[in-house]
Every structure is written in structure tokens, then in C-alpha cells.
Protein backbone atom coordinates (compact mmCIF):
# COMPACT_ATOMS: atom_id res chain seq x y z
CA GLY A 1 66.67 105.94 108.11
CA ASP A 2 64.66 103.48 107.61
CA ILE A 3 61.89 105.65 109.27
CA LEU A 4 58.61 106.52 107.95
CA ILE A 5 57.72 110.24 108.72
CA ALA A 6 53.91 111.91 108.57
CA GLY A 7 54.18 115.89 109.34
CA LEU A 8 50.64 117.09 110.62
CA TYR A 9 48.81 120.47 111.80
CA VAL A 10 46.32 121.30 114.22
CA ALA A 11 44.46 123.82 112.54
CA GLY A 12 42.33 126.19 114.79
CA SER A 13 42.44 126.87 118.91
CA GLY A 14 42.29 125.77 121.98
CA SER A 15 43.72 121.44 121.52
CA ARG A 16 42.77 117.98 119.59
CA ARG A 17 42.04 114.82 120.30
CA VAL A 18 44.01 112.43 117.81
CA LEU A 19 44.14 108.56 116.90
CA ILE A 20 46.80 108.34 115.55
CA ARG A 21 48.66 104.44 114.19
CA GLY A 22 51.20 102.97 113.27
CA VAL A 23 49.65 100.22 111.36
CA GLY A 24 52.38 97.44 110.13
CA PRO A 25 51.35 93.75 109.76
CA GLY A 26 47.11 94.58 109.96
CA PRO A 27 46.91 95.35 106.64
CA ALA A 28 48.67 91.45 105.40
CA GLY A 29 45.80 90.26 106.04
CA ILE A 30 43.66 91.69 103.24
CA GLY A 31 47.50 90.49 101.13
CA VAL A 32 49.42 93.71 101.45
CA GLU A 33 53.20 92.28 101.32
CA GLY A 34 55.92 92.74 102.77
CA THR A 35 54.28 94.88 105.97
CA LEU A 36 56.56 96.30 108.83
CA ALA A 37 56.53 92.89 111.03
CA ASN A 38 56.30 95.48 114.59
CA PRO A 39 56.02 99.26 114.07
CA ARG A 40 57.06 101.63 117.18
CA LEU A 41 55.30 104.63 117.08
CA ALA A 42 55.99 107.75 118.48
CA VAL A 43 54.50 111.38 117.62
CA PHE A 44 56.48 114.59 118.42
CA SER A 45 56.45 118.11 118.50
CA ALA A 46 57.96 120.57 115.87
CA GLU A 47 60.56 120.95 118.15
CA GLY A 48 61.62 118.08 118.34
CA THR A 49 60.17 117.12 121.78
CA ARG A 50 58.66 113.85 122.25
CA ILE A 51 54.77 113.99 123.61
CA ALA A 52 53.97 110.08 122.98
CA GLU A 53 55.01 106.49 121.94
CA ASN A 54 53.29 103.68 121.47
CA ASP A 55 54.84 99.50 120.68
CA ASP A 56 51.50 96.98 120.42
CA TRP A 57 48.29 98.65 121.25
CA ASP A 58 45.98 98.58 123.60
CA PRO A 59 42.55 96.26 122.38
CA ALA A 60 40.62 99.07 124.44
CA LEU A 61 41.25 101.32 121.41
CA ALA A 62 38.96 99.46 119.43
CA ALA A 63 36.21 100.45 120.15
CA THR A 64 37.54 104.18 119.32
CA PHE A 65 38.79 102.69 116.27
CA ARG A 66 34.94 101.89 114.85
CA SER A 67 34.41 105.36 116.60
CA VAL A 68 36.44 107.14 113.38
CA ALA A 69 35.65 103.98 110.76
CA ALA A 70 39.08 103.03 110.59
CA PHE A 71 39.43 99.80 109.24
CA ALA A 72 40.09 97.06 112.32
CA LEU A 73 43.35 95.47 113.53
CA PRO A 74 43.34 91.85 113.94
CA ASP A 75 43.76 90.83 117.84
CA ARG A 76 46.86 90.76 119.63
CA SER A 77 48.51 92.69 116.11
CA ARG A 78 52.10 94.08 116.73
CA ASP A 79 50.17 97.30 115.54
CA ALA A 80 50.80 100.61 116.91
CA ALA A 81 47.95 103.07 118.17
CA LEU A 82 47.63 106.29 120.78
CA VAL A 83 45.16 108.13 121.58
CA VAL A 84 46.42 111.60 122.72
CA GLU A 85 45.80 115.21 122.83
CA LEU A 86 47.59 117.59 120.43
CA PRO A 87 47.40 121.72 120.93
CA ALA A 88 45.67 123.61 118.16
CA GLY A 89 48.11 125.52 115.29
CA ARG A 90 50.81 123.93 115.77
CA GLY A 91 52.99 121.26 113.57
CA TYR A 92 53.45 117.70 114.00
CA THR A 93 55.33 114.50 113.19
CA ALA A 94 54.57 110.95 113.39
CA GLN A 95 57.00 108.24 113.04
CA VAL A 96 57.09 105.05 112.84
CA SER A 97 59.76 102.81 112.95
CA GLY A 98 60.75 98.63 113.05
CA MET A 99 61.16 97.29 116.39
CA GLY A 100 64.87 95.76 116.56
CA GLY A 101 65.45 97.34 113.41
CA THR A 102 63.57 95.52 111.20
CA THR A 103 62.05 97.21 107.78
CA GLY A 104 59.00 96.97 105.59
CA GLU A 105 55.41 98.19 104.56
CA ALA A 106 53.96 100.53 107.10
CA LEU A 107 50.74 103.51 106.97
CA VAL A 108 50.71 106.16 109.34
CA GLU A 109 46.67 107.50 110.28
CA VAL A 110 45.46 109.81 111.72
CA TYR A 111 41.86 110.45 113.47
CA GLU A 112 39.99 113.52 114.74
CA LEU A 113 37.64 111.93 117.57
CA PRO A 114 34.34 113.53 118.77
């Protein structure tokens, strides 16, 4: 209930380094109403094992956002983002929920990193 779940599959062999973002308050600046004020992002394997999680992105990721042409997030926004290496040939889910049980509009983005 009240969780945005996005599935993804990493094709090929080896592993892929990816940027995953759970964007809530960021789009409020461009007129999106009712955004999720403080999203929490969690990444799980197909078997249900939690691989990574984030609440409030690290400003050091701004250069990574630019490297894949992801739109900029406002400084100190409460959006969530992380970089993780995922083994290929497997499925994953990125789950976005509101801290403290809050709800609102959110977006999941996945970018393969060079």
C-alpha cells in the first residue's frame, strides 16, 4: 500500500553500474502538484533481498546526474538517489515510499552509468 514499485531487468553478462532516483519534491519546482515530500528509495533483488536504500540524496551525486542528462534536483531537496552495481541476468525492483507514511506523486528513474 502507498508504495511506488518499478521493475527492471539488467540484461547481458557481468554487472552494470546504475543511478536510481526516487524523485518526489524535485518536480514541485516545475509545477507538479501533490508531490511526495520526502521519498525513501529501496532497491531489492527478485528474491526480495534489500540491496541498497537511500533517504535524501548526497549532493556529491549532482555530477553523476549531469553525466547521464538527468534533470537537476534542487540543492538540499529530500529526493532520494543512489548508485549501485547490479549483476546482469537478473530482475530487480526499485520501491519508493514516503517517510513517516506520507503519500504523494513520485517518479522512479533508472540510468545506466558509463
